[in-house]
Amino acid sequence: MGIDCGTEITGYGVVESDDRSRNPRLVCCGFGAIRLSKQKTMPKRLMQVFDELTLALERWQPEVVAVEEVFYSVNAKSALKLGQVRGVALLAAAKLGLPLAEYAPLKIKSSVVGYGMASKEQVKFMVARLLELAEAPEPPDAADALAVAICHLHTAQTLLLQEVRG
């Protein structure tokens, strides 16, 4: 499961690798978004993220959770709020005993689009193509979460191949 943390919308997406055929393919199991009300206090918003992510984790029972690493922001206040949401996501995964992987934004975009400075639109387009979806996932936060999950699967497959060859 990939999680894209946000202070207004936190997206999540579940992807698995189907290796049964000659050409392994990625399969989208599901995705969603947690929409946070600006009218709620920050503690209430954090509790909502924790509760809804915990429900999604229990529903989908992923083998691993992948989250985008913290990026440096010009606005310190925004970065702190995002860090709080991210901390709650890490807590939800840890509370259920799930392994956690973290990826830099450039790594995620490179893994999905082939270019680390790709736009949100390019990421959405490639997520839809890689998962063979009829249309790009909405909201964009869910597409970003699917991109995090795809990045993890690509990275895990590469590491596995290196172990086999090594």
Protein backbone atom coordinates (compact mmCIF):
# COMPACT_ATOMS: atom_id res chain seq x y z
CA MET A 1 0.00 0.00 0.00
CA GLY A 2 1.26 3.43 -0.91
CA ILE A 3 0.31 6.50 1.10
CA ASP A 4 0.52 10.10 -0.09
CA CYS A 5 0.28 12.30 3.00
CA GLY A 6 -1.38 15.69 2.75
CA THR A 7 -2.79 18.27 5.12
CA GLU A 8 -6.05 18.52 3.16
CA ILE A 9 -6.22 15.13 1.40
CA THR A 10 -4.25 11.99 2.20
CA GLY A 11 -4.37 9.42 -0.57
CA TYR A 12 -3.79 5.69 -0.41
CA GLY A 13 -3.51 3.03 -3.06
CA VAL A 14 -3.04 -0.72 -3.11
CA VAL A 15 -1.09 -2.36 -5.91
CA GLU A 16 0.12 -5.91 -6.34
CA SER A 17 2.33 -7.61 -8.84
CA ASP A 18 0.75 -10.44 -10.83
CA ASP A 19 3.68 -12.68 -11.74
CA ARG A 20 1.63 -15.67 -12.93
CA SER A 21 1.78 -14.86 -16.61
CA ARG A 22 4.84 -14.66 -18.85
CA ASN A 23 4.69 -10.89 -18.67
CA PRO A 24 4.30 -9.81 -15.05
CA ARG A 25 1.92 -6.93 -14.62
CA LEU A 26 0.85 -4.49 -11.95
CA VAL A 27 -2.73 -4.72 -10.68
CA CYS A 28 -4.63 -1.94 -8.90
CA CYS A 29 -6.55 -3.49 -6.01
CA GLY A 30 -8.04 -0.24 -4.80
CA PHE A 31 -7.45 3.36 -3.84
CA GLY A 32 -9.06 6.17 -1.92
CA ALA A 33 -8.62 9.50 -0.22
CA ILE A 34 -9.12 10.88 3.25
CA ARG A 35 -10.50 14.41 2.96
CA LEU A 36 -9.79 16.63 5.94
CA SER A 37 -11.99 19.56 6.89
CA LYS A 38 -10.23 22.88 7.46
CA GLN A 39 -12.88 23.61 10.09
CA LYS A 40 -11.59 20.82 12.33
CA THR A 41 -8.71 21.34 14.74
CA MET A 42 -5.37 19.77 13.83
CA PRO A 43 -5.66 17.07 16.54
CA LYS A 44 -9.11 16.07 15.18
CA ARG A 45 -7.73 15.96 11.63
CA LEU A 46 -4.81 13.79 12.73
CA MET A 47 -7.20 11.45 14.52
CA GLN A 48 -9.30 11.19 11.35
CA VAL A 49 -6.21 10.29 9.29
CA PHE A 50 -5.20 7.66 11.84
CA ASP A 51 -8.68 6.13 12.08
CA GLU A 52 -9.35 6.03 8.33
CA LEU A 53 -5.86 4.78 7.43
CA THR A 54 -6.11 2.08 10.07
CA LEU A 55 -9.43 0.96 8.56
CA ALA A 56 -7.91 0.91 5.05
CA LEU A 57 -4.87 -1.04 6.28
CA GLU A 58 -7.10 -3.56 8.04
CA ARG A 59 -9.30 -3.88 4.96
CA TRP A 60 -6.51 -4.34 2.41
CA GLN A 61 -3.98 -6.13 4.66
CA PRO A 62 -0.92 -5.07 2.64
CA GLU A 63 2.40 -6.86 3.03
CA VAL A 64 4.21 -3.53 3.27
CA VAL A 65 3.40 0.18 3.48
CA ALA A 66 5.32 2.70 1.37
CA VAL A 67 5.32 6.42 2.13
CA GLU A 68 6.91 9.42 0.47
CA GLU A 69 9.86 10.83 2.44
CA VAL A 70 9.64 14.34 3.82
CA PHE A 71 10.67 16.94 1.26
CA TYR A 72 12.07 20.33 2.10
CA SER A 73 9.53 23.12 1.93
CA VAL A 74 9.94 26.87 1.76
CA ASN A 75 7.03 27.23 4.20
CA ALA A 76 8.13 25.79 7.56
CA LYS A 77 4.59 25.83 8.98
CA SER A 78 3.26 23.75 6.07
CA ALA A 79 6.18 21.34 6.37
CA LEU A 80 5.50 20.84 10.08
CA LYS A 81 1.79 20.13 9.48
CA LEU A 82 2.66 17.67 6.71
CA GLY A 83 5.18 16.02 9.03
CA GLN A 84 2.44 15.52 11.61
CA VAL A 85 0.17 13.81 9.08
CA ARG A 86 3.08 11.69 7.90
CA GLY A 87 3.86 10.70 11.50
CA VAL A 88 0.28 9.55 11.98
CA ALA A 89 0.50 7.44 8.81
CA LEU A 90 3.73 5.84 10.07
CA LEU A 91 2.06 5.19 13.43
CA ALA A 92 -0.95 3.50 11.80
CA ALA A 93 1.36 1.13 9.89
CA ALA A 94 3.56 0.48 12.94
CA LYS A 95 0.57 -0.20 15.18
CA LEU A 96 -0.47 -3.02 12.83
CA GLY A 97 3.10 -4.35 12.69
CA LEU A 98 3.53 -3.62 8.99
CA PRO A 99 6.97 -3.12 7.45
CA LEU A 100 7.55 0.38 6.15
CA ALA A 101 9.45 1.68 3.12
CA GLU A 102 10.14 5.34 2.41
CA TYR A 103 11.00 6.90 -0.95
CA ALA A 104 12.12 10.34 -2.05
CA PRO A 105 9.75 12.21 -4.40
CA LEU A 106 12.38 12.13 -7.18
CA LYS A 107 12.73 8.35 -6.84
CA ILE A 108 8.96 7.86 -7.03
CA LYS A 109 8.59 9.99 -10.16
CA SER A 110 11.64 8.38 -11.79
CA SER A 111 10.28 4.91 -11.07
CA VAL A 112 6.84 5.65 -12.51
CA VAL A 113 7.48 8.22 -15.24
CA GLY A 114 11.20 7.82 -15.92
CA TYR A 115 11.86 11.46 -15.03
CA GLY A 116 12.32 12.77 -11.49
CA MET A 117 10.89 16.22 -12.23
CA ALA A 118 7.68 14.93 -13.84
CA SER A 119 4.47 16.92 -13.36
CA LYS A 120 1.45 15.66 -11.41
CA GLU A 121 -0.36 15.19 -14.73
CA GLN A 122 2.45 12.99 -16.08
CA VAL A 123 2.39 10.88 -12.92
CA LYS A 124 -1.41 10.44 -13.14
CA PHE A 125 -1.14 9.48 -16.81
CA MET A 126 1.60 6.89 -16.23
CA VAL A 127 -0.11 5.42 -13.16
CA ALA A 128 -3.22 4.83 -15.29
CA ARG A 129 -1.10 3.27 -18.08
CA LEU A 130 0.97 1.03 -15.80
CA LEU A 131 -2.13 -0.21 -13.97
CA GLU A 132 -4.16 -0.51 -17.19
CA LEU A 133 -6.91 1.74 -15.83
CA ALA A 134 -9.55 3.21 -18.14
CA GLU A 135 -8.95 6.67 -16.64
CA ALA A 136 -6.54 8.35 -14.27
CA PRO A 137 -7.34 7.88 -10.58
CA GLU A 138 -8.99 10.78 -8.78
CA PRO A 139 -8.25 12.69 -6.68
CA PRO A 140 -4.60 13.26 -7.69
CA ASP A 141 -3.56 12.30 -4.14
CA ALA A 142 -4.83 8.75 -4.77
CA ALA A 143 -2.85 8.62 -8.03
CA ASP A 144 0.23 9.79 -6.12
CA ALA A 145 -0.32 7.07 -3.51
CA LEU A 146 -0.55 4.46 -6.27
CA ALA A 147 2.72 5.87 -7.66
CA VAL A 148 4.37 5.33 -4.26
CA ALA A 149 3.14 1.71 -4.25
CA ILE A 150 4.38 1.16 -7.83
CA CYS A 151 7.77 2.63 -6.89
CA HIS A 152 8.02 0.18 -4.01
CA LEU A 153 7.13 -2.80 -6.18
CA HIS A 154 9.68 -1.77 -8.84
CA THR A 155 12.35 -1.26 -6.18
CA ALA A 156 11.59 -4.56 -4.43
CA GLN A 157 11.69 -6.45 -7.76
CA THR A 158 15.06 -4.86 -8.64
CA LEU A 159 16.52 -5.74 -5.24
CA LEU A 160 15.23 -9.31 -5.58
CA LEU A 161 16.85 -9.67 -9.02
CA GLN A 162 20.14 -8.34 -7.64
CA GLU A 163 20.02 -10.92 -4.82
CA VAL A 164 19.33 -13.73 -7.30
CA ARG A 165 22.19 -12.64 -9.55
CA GLY A 166 24.56 -11.89 -6.64
